[in-house]
PDB file of N, CA and C in Angstrom:
ATOM      1  N   MET A   1     113.662 -60.525  58.574  1.00  0.00           N
ATOM      2  CA  MET A   1     114.073 -59.141  58.443  1.00  0.00           C
ATOM      3  C   MET A   1     112.968 -58.384  57.701  1.00  0.00           C
ATOM      4  N   SER A   2     112.703 -57.181  58.142  1.00  0.00           N
ATOM      5  CA  SER A   2     111.679 -56.356  57.508  1.00  0.00           C
ATOM      6  C   SER A   2     112.295 -55.033  57.074  1.00  0.00           C
ATOM      7  N   SER A   3     111.500 -54.244  56.376  1.00  0.00           N
ATOM      8  CA  SER A   3     111.988 -52.935  55.940  1.00  0.00           C
ATOM      9  C   SER A   3     110.941 -51.876  56.234  1.00  0.00           C
ATOM     10  N   ASN A   4     111.409 -50.657  56.232  1.00  0.00           N
ATOM     11  CA  ASN A   4     110.579 -49.503  56.514  1.00  0.00           C
ATOM     12  C   ASN A   4     110.999 -48.407  55.544  1.00  0.00           C
ATOM     13  N   THR A   5     110.073 -47.576  55.116  1.00  0.00           N
ATOM     14  CA  THR A   5     110.400 -46.445  54.245  1.00  0.00           C
ATOM     15  C   THR A   5     110.184 -45.156  55.027  1.00  0.00           C
ATOM     16  N   VAL A   6     111.196 -44.287  55.004  1.00  0.00           N
ATOM     17  CA  VAL A   6     111.094 -42.984  55.656  1.00  0.00           C
ATOM     18  C   VAL A   6     111.490 -41.910  54.647  1.00  0.00           C
ATOM     19  N   PHE A   7     111.122 -40.684  54.948  1.00  0.00           N
ATOM     20  CA  PHE A   7     111.422 -39.558  54.075  1.00  0.00           C
ATOM     21  C   PHE A   7     112.251 -38.547  54.847  1.00  0.00           C
ATOM     22  N   GLU A   8     113.304 -38.045  54.203  1.00  0.00           N
ATOM     23  CA  GLU A   8     114.192 -37.073  54.842  1.00  0.00           C
ATOM     24  C   GLU A   8     114.472 -35.925  53.883  1.00  0.00           C
ATOM     25  N   HIS A   9     114.801 -34.785  54.470  1.00  0.00           N
ATOM     26  CA  HIS A   9     115.188 -33.607  53.698  1.00  0.00           C
ATOM     27  C   HIS A   9     116.638 -33.297  54.040  1.00  0.00           C
ATOM     28  N   VAL A  10     117.471 -33.090  53.014  1.00  0.00           N
ATOM     29  CA  VAL A  10     118.870 -32.744  53.243  1.00  0.00           C
ATOM     30  C   VAL A  10     119.258 -31.584  52.337  1.00  0.00           C
ATOM     31  N   ARG A  11     120.234 -30.817  52.789  1.00  0.00           N
ATOM     32  CA  ARG A  11     120.798 -29.732  51.985  1.00  0.00           C
ATOM     33  C   ARG A  11     121.793 -30.341  51.013  1.00  0.00           C
ATOM     34  N   ALA A  12     121.882 -29.770  49.817  1.00  0.00           N
ATOM     35  CA  ALA A  12     122.775 -30.304  48.792  1.00  0.00           C
ATOM     36  C   ALA A  12     123.282 -29.165  47.908  1.00  0.00           C
ATOM     37  N   GLU A  13     124.299 -29.494  47.118  1.00  0.00           N
ATOM     38  CA  GLU A  13     124.829 -28.555  46.132  1.00  0.00           C
ATOM     39  C   GLU A  13     124.764 -29.190  44.755  1.00  0.00           C
ATOM     40  N   LEU A  14     124.341 -28.393  43.783  1.00  0.00           N
ATOM     41  CA  LEU A  14     124.414 -28.772  42.383  1.00  0.00           C
ATOM     42  C   LEU A  14     125.426 -27.843  41.728  1.00  0.00           C
ATOM     43  N   ALA A  15     126.493 -28.400  41.154  1.00  0.00           N
ATOM     44  CA  ALA A  15     127.532 -27.596  40.517  1.00  0.00           C
ATOM     45  C   ALA A  15     127.575 -27.933  39.030  1.00  0.00           C
ATOM     46  N   ASP A  16     127.575 -26.900  38.181  1.00  0.00           N
ATOM     47  CA  ASP A  16     127.676 -27.149  36.742  1.00  0.00           C
ATOM     48  C   ASP A  16     129.135 -27.087  36.294  1.00  0.00           C
ATOM     49  N   ALA A  17     129.372 -27.329  35.027  1.00  0.00           N
ATOM     50  CA  ALA A  17     130.742 -27.397  34.492  1.00  0.00           C
ATOM     51  C   ALA A  17     131.482 -26.066  34.603  1.00  0.00           C
ATOM     52  N   SER A  18     130.753 -24.959  34.624  1.00  0.00           N
ATOM     53  CA  SER A  18     131.403 -23.647  34.723  1.00  0.00           C
ATOM     54  C   SER A  18     131.763 -23.286  36.159  1.00  0.00           C
ATOM     55  N   GLY A  19     131.301 -24.100  37.118  1.00  0.00           N
ATOM     56  CA  GLY A  19     131.594 -23.834  38.524  1.00  0.00           C
ATOM     57  C   GLY A  19     130.471 -23.156  39.275  1.00  0.00           C
ATOM     58  N   LYS A  20     129.376 -22.809  38.574  1.00  0.00           N
ATOM     59  CA  LYS A  20     128.226 -22.201  39.260  1.00  0.00           C
ATOM     60  C   LYS A  20     127.597 -23.245  40.170  1.00  0.00           C
ATOM     61  N   VAL A  21     127.311 -22.841  41.415  1.00  0.00           N
ATOM     62  CA  VAL A  21     126.770 -23.761  42.422  1.00  0.00           C
ATOM     63  C   VAL A  21     125.389 -23.288  42.852  1.00  0.00           C
ATOM     64  N   TYR A  22     124.469 -24.233  42.909  1.00  0.00           N
ATOM     65  CA  TYR A  22     123.114 -23.980  43.395  1.00  0.00           C
ATOM     66  C   TYR A  22     122.948 -24.747  44.704  1.00  0.00           C
ATOM     67  N   ASN A  23     122.573 -24.041  45.768  1.00  0.00           N
ATOM     68  CA  ASN A  23     122.296 -24.674  47.055  1.00  0.00           C
ATOM     69  C   ASN A  23     120.813 -25.026  47.081  1.00  0.00           C
ATOM     70  N   VAL A  24     120.532 -26.325  47.162  1.00  0.00           N
ATOM     71  CA  VAL A  24     119.159 -26.805  47.061  1.00  0.00           C
ATOM     72  C   VAL A  24     118.828 -27.709  48.246  1.00  0.00           C
ATOM     73  N   GLN A  25     117.585 -28.069  48.332  1.00  0.00           N
ATOM     74  CA  GLN A  25     117.138 -29.058  49.309  1.00  0.00           C
ATOM     75  C   GLN A  25     116.669 -30.284  48.540  1.00  0.00           C
ATOM     76  N   LEU A  26     117.032 -31.465  49.031  1.00  0.00           N
ATOM     77  CA  LEU A  26     116.609 -32.722  48.426  1.00  0.00           C
ATOM     78  C   LEU A  26     115.562 -33.401  49.286  1.00  0.00           C
ATOM     79  N   ASP A  27     114.643 -34.078  48.635  1.00  0.00           N
ATOM     80  CA  ASP A  27     113.703 -34.969  49.310  1.00  0.00           C
ATOM     81  C   ASP A  27     114.219 -36.381  49.056  1.00  0.00           C
ATOM     82  N   LEU A  28     114.630 -37.073  50.108  1.00  0.00           N
ATOM     83  CA  LEU A  28     115.150 -38.431  49.989  1.00  0.00           C
ATOM     84  C   LEU A  28     114.105 -39.435  50.456  1.00  0.00           C
ATOM     85  N   THR A  29     113.942 -40.498  49.695  1.00  0.00           N
ATOM     86  CA  THR A  29     113.161 -41.653  50.126  1.00  0.00           C
ATOM     87  C   THR A  29     114.181 -42.686  50.567  1.00  0.00           C
ATOM     88  N   VAL A  30     114.127 -43.065  51.842  1.00  0.00           N
ATOM     89  CA  VAL A  30     115.138 -43.934  52.436  1.00  0.00           C
ATOM     90  C   VAL A  30     114.500 -45.260  52.860  1.00  0.00           C
ATOM     91  N   LYS A  31     115.121 -46.361  52.432  1.00  0.00           N
ATOM     92  CA  LYS A  31     114.697 -47.699  52.856  1.00  0.00           C
ATOM     93  C   LYS A  31     115.553 -48.102  54.051  1.00  0.00           C
ATOM     94  N   GLU A  32     114.902 -48.504  55.116  1.00  0.00           N
ATOM     95  CA  GLU A  32     115.600 -48.965  56.314  1.00  0.00           C
ATOM     96  C   GLU A  32     115.377 -50.464  56.469  1.00  0.00           C
ATOM     97  N   MET A  33     116.451 -51.205  56.655  1.00  0.00           N
ATOM     98  CA  MET A  33     116.361 -52.642  56.902  1.00  0.00           C
ATOM     99  C   MET A  33     116.360 -52.856  58.409  1.00  0.00           C
ATOM    100  N   LEU A  34     115.366 -53.591  58.904  1.00  0.00           N
ATOM    101  CA  LEU A  34     115.191 -53.818  60.335  1.00  0.00           C
ATOM    102  C   LEU A  34     115.284 -55.306  60.650  1.00  0.00           C
ATOM    103  N   VAL A  35     115.913 -55.648  61.773  1.00  0.00           N
ATOM    104  CA  VAL A  35     115.919 -57.036  62.234  1.00  0.00           C
ATOM    105  C   VAL A  35     114.542 -57.375  62.779  1.00  0.00           C
ATOM    106  N   ASP A  36     113.988 -56.475  63.574  1.00  0.00           N
ATOM    107  CA  ASP A  36     112.609 -56.584  64.036  1.00  0.00           C
ATOM    108  C   ASP A  36     112.091 -55.175  64.296  1.00  0.00           C
ATOM    109  N   GLU A  37     110.840 -55.063  64.585  1.00  0.00           N
ATOM    110  CA  GLU A  37     110.194 -53.754  64.735  1.00  0.00           C
ATOM    111  C   GLU A  37     110.704 -52.944  65.929  1.00  0.00           C
ATOM    112  N   ARG A  38     111.371 -53.577  66.880  1.00  0.00           N
ATOM    113  CA  ARG A  38     111.786 -52.881  68.098  1.00  0.00           C
ATOM    114  C   ARG A  38     113.238 -52.405  68.066  1.00  0.00           C
ATOM    115  N   THR A  39     113.964 -52.698  67.023  1.00  0.00           N
ATOM    116  CA  THR A  39     115.379 -52.326  66.985  1.00  0.00           C
ATOM    117  C   THR A  39     115.631 -51.198  65.997  1.00  0.00           C
ATOM    118  N   MET A  40     116.791 -50.621  66.116  1.00  0.00           N
ATOM    119  CA  MET A  40     117.227 -49.586  65.172  1.00  0.00           C
ATOM    120  C   MET A  40     117.521 -50.252  63.831  1.00  0.00           C
ATOM    121  N   PRO A  41     117.454 -49.498  62.723  1.00  0.00           N
ATOM    122  CA  PRO A  41     117.765 -50.076  61.413  1.00  0.00           C
ATOM    123  C   PRO A  41     119.208 -50.591  61.376  1.00  0.00           C
ATOM    124  N   VAL A  42     119.413 -51.732  60.709  1.00  0.00           N
ATOM    125  CA  VAL A  42     120.764 -52.269  60.551  1.00  0.00           C
ATOM    126  C   VAL A  42     121.418 -51.720  59.288  1.00  0.00           C
ATOM    127  N   ARG A  43     120.595 -51.215  58.375  1.00  0.00           N
ATOM    128  CA  ARG A  43     121.123 -50.610  57.152  1.00  0.00           C
ATOM    129  C   ARG A  43     120.104 -49.630  56.620  1.00  0.00           C
ATOM    130  N   ARG A  44     120.613 -48.517  56.053  1.00  0.00           N
ATOM    131  CA  ARG A  44     119.759 -47.510  55.429  1.00  0.00           C
ATOM    132  C   ARG A  44     120.317 -47.210  54.049  1.00  0.00           C
ATOM    133  N   ALA A  45     119.445 -47.100  53.067  1.00  0.00           N
ATOM    134  CA  ALA A  45     119.877 -46.810  51.700  1.00  0.00           C
ATOM    135  C   ALA A  45     118.909 -45.827  51.056  1.00  0.00           C
ATOM    136  N   VAL A  46     119.455 -44.911  50.264  1.00  0.00           N
ATOM    137  CA  VAL A  46     118.624 -43.949  49.541  1.00  0.00           C
ATOM    138  C   VAL A  46     117.997 -44.664  48.353  1.00  0.00           C
ATOM    139  N   ALA A  47     116.665 -44.684  48.309  1.00  0.00           N
ATOM    140  CA  ALA A  47     115.940 -45.342  47.222  1.00  0.00           C
ATOM    141  C   ALA A  47     115.580 -44.348  46.119  1.00  0.00           C
ATOM    142  N   GLU A  48     115.352 -43.085  46.505  1.00  0.00           N
ATOM    143  CA  GLU A  48     114.953 -42.075  45.529  1.00  0.00           C
ATOM    144  C   GLU A  48     115.426 -40.706  45.994  1.00  0.00           C
ATOM    145  N   THR A  49     115.861 -39.894  45.041  1.00  0.00           N
ATOM    146  CA  THR A  49     116.333 -38.538  45.316  1.00  0.00           C
ATOM    147  C   THR A  49     115.576 -37.576  44.408  1.00  0.00           C
ATOM    148  N   ALA A  50     115.016 -36.513  44.981  1.00  0.00           N
ATOM    149  CA  ALA A  50     114.276 -35.524  44.196  1.00  0.00           C
ATOM    150  C   ALA A  50     114.601 -34.126  44.702  1.00  0.00           C
ATOM    151  N   LEU A  51     114.548 -33.159  43.802  1.00  0.00           N
ATOM    152  CA  LEU A  51     114.688 -31.761  44.211  1.00  0.00           C
ATOM    153  C   LEU A  51     113.421 -31.354  44.938  1.00  0.00           C
ATOM    154  N   SER A  52     113.578 -30.749  46.089  1.00  0.00           N
ATOM    155  CA  SER A  52     112.432 -30.306  46.865  1.00  0.00           C
ATOM    156  C   SER A  52     111.816 -29.075  46.224  1.00  0.00           C
ATOM    157  N   ARG A  53     110.523 -29.074  46.109  1.00  0.00           N
ATOM    158  CA  ARG A  53     109.800 -27.894  45.601  1.00  0.00           C
ATOM    159  C   ARG A  53     109.762 -26.804  46.670  1.00  0.00           C
ATOM    160  N   MET A  54     110.014 -27.195  47.925  1.00  0.00           N
ATOM    161  CA  MET A  54     109.944 -26.260  49.043  1.00  0.00           C
ATOM    162  C   MET A  54     111.131 -25.305  49.080  1.00  0.00           C
ATOM    163  N   SER A  55     112.226 -25.633  48.411  1.00  0.00           N
ATOM    164  CA  SER A  55     113.414 -24.783  48.501  1.00  0.00           C
ATOM    165  C   SER A  55     113.227 -23.468  47.757  1.00  0.00           C
ATOM    166  N   GLY A  56     112.288 -23.438  46.800  1.00  0.00           N
ATOM    167  CA  GLY A  56     112.036 -22.209  46.050  1.00  0.00           C
ATOM    168  C   GLY A  56     113.131 -21.896  45.049  1.00  0.00           C
ATOM    169  N   MET A  57     114.078 -22.803  44.864  1.00  0.00           N
ATOM    170  CA  MET A  57     115.210 -22.590  43.965  1.00  0.00           C
ATOM    171  C   MET A  57     114.877 -23.157  42.590  1.00  0.00           C
ATOM    172  N   MET A  58     114.982 -22.334  41.564  1.00  0.00           N
ATOM    173  CA  MET A  58     114.802 -22.792  40.190  1.00  0.00           C
ATOM    174  C   MET A  58     116.188 -23.078  39.625  1.00  0.00           C
ATOM    175  N   VAL A  59     116.437 -24.323  39.285  1.00  0.00           N
ATOM    176  CA  VAL A  59     117.725 -24.726  38.729  1.00  0.00           C
ATOM    177  C   VAL A  59     117.549 -24.918  37.222  1.00  0.00           C
ATOM    178  N   PRO A  60     118.367 -24.257  36.411  1.00  0.00           N
ATOM    179  CA  PRO A  60     118.249 -24.414  34.953  1.00  0.00           C
ATOM    180  C   PRO A  60     118.515 -25.853  34.513  1.00  0.00           C
ATOM    181  N   ASP A  61     117.895 -26.239  33.412  1.00  0.00           N
ATOM    182  CA  ASP A  61     118.151 -27.557  32.838  1.00  0.00           C
ATOM    183  C   ASP A  61     119.627 -27.696  32.505  1.00  0.00           C
ATOM    184  N   GLY A  62     120.172 -28.890  32.697  1.00  0.00           N
ATOM    185  CA  GLY A  62     121.571 -29.131  32.361  1.00  0.00           C
ATOM    186  C   GLY A  62     122.164 -30.251  33.176  1.00  0.00           C
ATOM    187  N   LYS A  63     123.482 -30.443  32.976  1.00  0.00           N
ATOM    188  CA  LYS A  63     124.236 -31.480  33.691  1.00  0.00           C
ATOM    189  C   LYS A  63     124.919 -30.862  34.907  1.00  0.00           C
ATOM    190  N   TYR A  64     124.917 -31.611  36.024  1.00  0.00           N
ATOM    191  CA  TYR A  64     125.464 -31.121  37.281  1.00  0.00           C
ATOM    192  C   TYR A  64     126.166 -32.247  38.042  1.00  0.00           C
ATOM    193  N   THR A  65     126.978 -31.829  39.003  1.00  0.00           N
ATOM    194  CA  THR A  65     127.492 -32.746  40.012  1.00  0.00           C
ATOM    195  C   THR A  65     126.715 -32.458  41.288  1.00  0.00           C
ATOM    196  N   LEU A  66     126.041 -33.481  41.798  1.00  0.00           N
ATOM    197  CA  LEU A  66     125.233 -33.372  43.009  1.00  0.00           C
ATOM    198  C   LEU A  66     126.063 -33.852  44.185  1.00  0.00           C
ATOM    199  N   THR A  67     126.155 -33.027  45.240  1.00  0.00           N
ATOM    200  CA  THR A  67     126.906 -33.386  46.439  1.00  0.00           C
ATOM    201  C   THR A  67     126.028 -33.152  47.667  1.00  0.00           C
ATOM    202  N   TYR A  68     125.936 -34.198  48.522  1.00  0.00           N
ATOM    203  CA  TYR A  68     125.193 -34.078  49.779  1.00  0.00           C
ATOM    204  C   TYR A  68     125.722 -35.113  50.761  1.00  0.00           C
ATOM    205  N   THR A  69     125.344 -34.975  52.016  1.00  0.00           N
ATOM    206  CA  THR A  69     125.775 -35.921  53.048  1.00  0.00           C
ATOM    207  C   THR A  69     124.566 -36.724  53.513  1.00  0.00           C
ATOM    208  N   PHE A  70     124.746 -38.055  53.534  1.00  0.00           N
ATOM    209  CA  PHE A  70     123.708 -38.962  54.010  1.00  0.00           C
ATOM    210  C   PHE A  70     124.324 -39.906  55.030  1.00  0.00           C
ATOM    211  N   ASP A  71     123.794 -39.914  56.238  1.00  0.00           N
ATOM    212  CA  ASP A  71     124.298 -40.751  57.332  1.00  0.00           C
ATOM    213  C   ASP A  71     125.802 -40.570  57.544  1.00  0.00           C
ATOM    214  N   GLY A  72     126.266 -39.320  57.457  1.00  0.00           N
ATOM    215  CA  GLY A  72     127.658 -39.005  57.734  1.00  0.00           C
ATOM    216  C   GLY A  72     128.624 -39.272  56.597  1.00  0.00           C
ATOM    217  N   VAL A  73     128.112 -39.713  55.445  1.00  0.00           N
ATOM    218  CA  VAL A  73     128.966 -40.012  54.296  1.00  0.00           C
ATOM    219  C   VAL A  73     128.634 -39.042  53.165  1.00  0.00           C
ATOM    220  N   GLN A  74     129.675 -38.433  52.590  1.00  0.00           N
ATOM    221  CA  GLN A  74     129.443 -37.513  51.484  1.00  0.00           C
ATOM    222  C   GLN A  74     129.160 -38.300  50.204  1.00  0.00           C
ATOM    223  N   GLU A  75     128.052 -37.972  49.576  1.00  0.00           N
ATOM    224  CA  GLU A  75     127.640 -38.596  48.315  1.00  0.00           C
ATOM    225  C   GLU A  75     127.907 -37.612  47.187  1.00  0.00           C
ATOM    226  N   LYS A  76     128.381 -38.117  46.061  1.00  0.00           N
ATOM    227  CA  LYS A  76     128.648 -37.273  44.902  1.00  0.00           C
ATOM    228  C   LYS A  76     128.218 -38.042  43.659  1.00  0.00           C
ATOM    229  N   HIS A  77     127.306 -37.439  42.866  1.00  0.00           N
ATOM    230  CA  HIS A  77     126.747 -38.116  41.698  1.00  0.00           C
ATOM    231  C   HIS A  77     126.641 -37.162  40.518  1.00  0.00           C
ATOM    232  N   SER A  78     126.784 -37.695  39.314  1.00  0.00           N
ATOM    233  CA  SER A  78     126.508 -36.941  38.095  1.00  0.00           C
ATOM    234  C   SER A  78     125.017 -37.040  37.832  1.00  0.00           C
ATOM    235  N   VAL A  79     124.377 -35.890  37.647  1.00  0.00           N
ATOM    236  CA  VAL A  79     122.938 -35.852  37.447  1.00  0.00           C
ATOM    237  C   VAL A  79     122.594 -34.855  36.347  1.00  0.00           C
ATOM    238  N   ARG A  80     121.344 -34.913  35.916  1.00  0.00           N
ATOM    239  CA  ARG A  80     120.794 -33.910  34.995  1.00  0.00           C
ATOM    240  C   ARG A  80     119.536 -33.331  35.623  1.00  0.00           C
ATOM    241  N   VAL A  81     119.271 -32.081  35.308  1.00  0.00           N
ATOM    242  CA  VAL A  81     118.021 -31.445  35.710  1.00  0.00           C
ATOM    243  C   VAL A  81     117.262 -31.144  34.433  1.00  0.00           C
ATOM    244  N   VAL A  82     116.003 -31.627  34.360  1.00  0.00           N
ATOM    245  CA  VAL A  82     115.135 -31.380  33.231  1.00  0.00           C
ATOM    246  C   VAL A  82     113.790 -30.904  33.769  1.00  0.00           C
ATOM    247  N   SER A  83     113.434 -29.676  33.459  1.00  0.00           N
ATOM    248  CA  SER A  83     112.172 -29.086  33.917  1.00  0.00           C
ATOM    249  C   SER A  83     111.961 -29.224  35.417  1.00  0.00           C
ATOM    250  N   GLY A  84     113.034 -29.015  36.181  1.00  0.00           N
ATOM    251  CA  GLY A  84     112.953 -29.060  37.640  1.00  0.00           C
ATOM    252  C   GLY A  84     112.999 -30.455  38.240  1.00  0.00           C
ATOM    253  N   THR A  85     113.179 -31.476  37.382  1.00  0.00           N
ATOM    254  CA  THR A  85     113.250 -32.863  37.857  1.00  0.00           C
ATOM    255  C   THR A  85     114.688 -33.349  37.820  1.00  0.00           C
ATOM    256  N   LEU A  86     115.109 -34.001  38.874  1.00  0.00           N
ATOM    257  CA  LEU A  86     116.456 -34.536  38.987  1.00  0.00           C
ATOM    258  C   LEU A  86     116.493 -35.935  38.361  1.00  0.00           C
ATOM    259  N   LEU A  87     117.414 -36.141  37.410  1.00  0.00           N
ATOM    260  CA  LEU A  87     117.553 -37.418  36.716  1.00  0.00           C
ATOM    261  C   LEU A  87     118.992 -37.910  36.822  1.00  0.00           C
ATOM    262  N   ALA A  88     119.180 -39.223  36.685  1.00  0.00           N
ATOM    263  CA  ALA A  88     120.541 -39.784  36.675  1.00  0.00           C
ATOM    264  C   ALA A  88     121.291 -39.181  35.495  1.00  0.00           C
ATOM    265  N   GLY A  89     122.600 -38.962  35.724  1.00  0.00           N
ATOM    266  CA  GLY A  89     123.448 -38.296  34.732  1.00  0.00           C
ATOM    267  C   GLY A  89     123.763 -39.142  33.564  1.00  0.00           C
TER     268      GLY A  89
END
């Protein structure tokens, strides 16, 4: 079994405790597990999540709930934003 790394962009929401929502774009680093080079991936997992600089959205530092959809499944995580960088909550 081998693996492949791909990069994807997805739309996401960052919501703070007061209910303010920021619509952002994420840059995802995705690891794909392959049986062989000629087949579709048997499993895909997000290895890294970052706020895209391309979205032009400045999100204030603080704690947020991050919500996005990856491979048809809604993901929801507690995160922090520090100087424009997304960190685990």
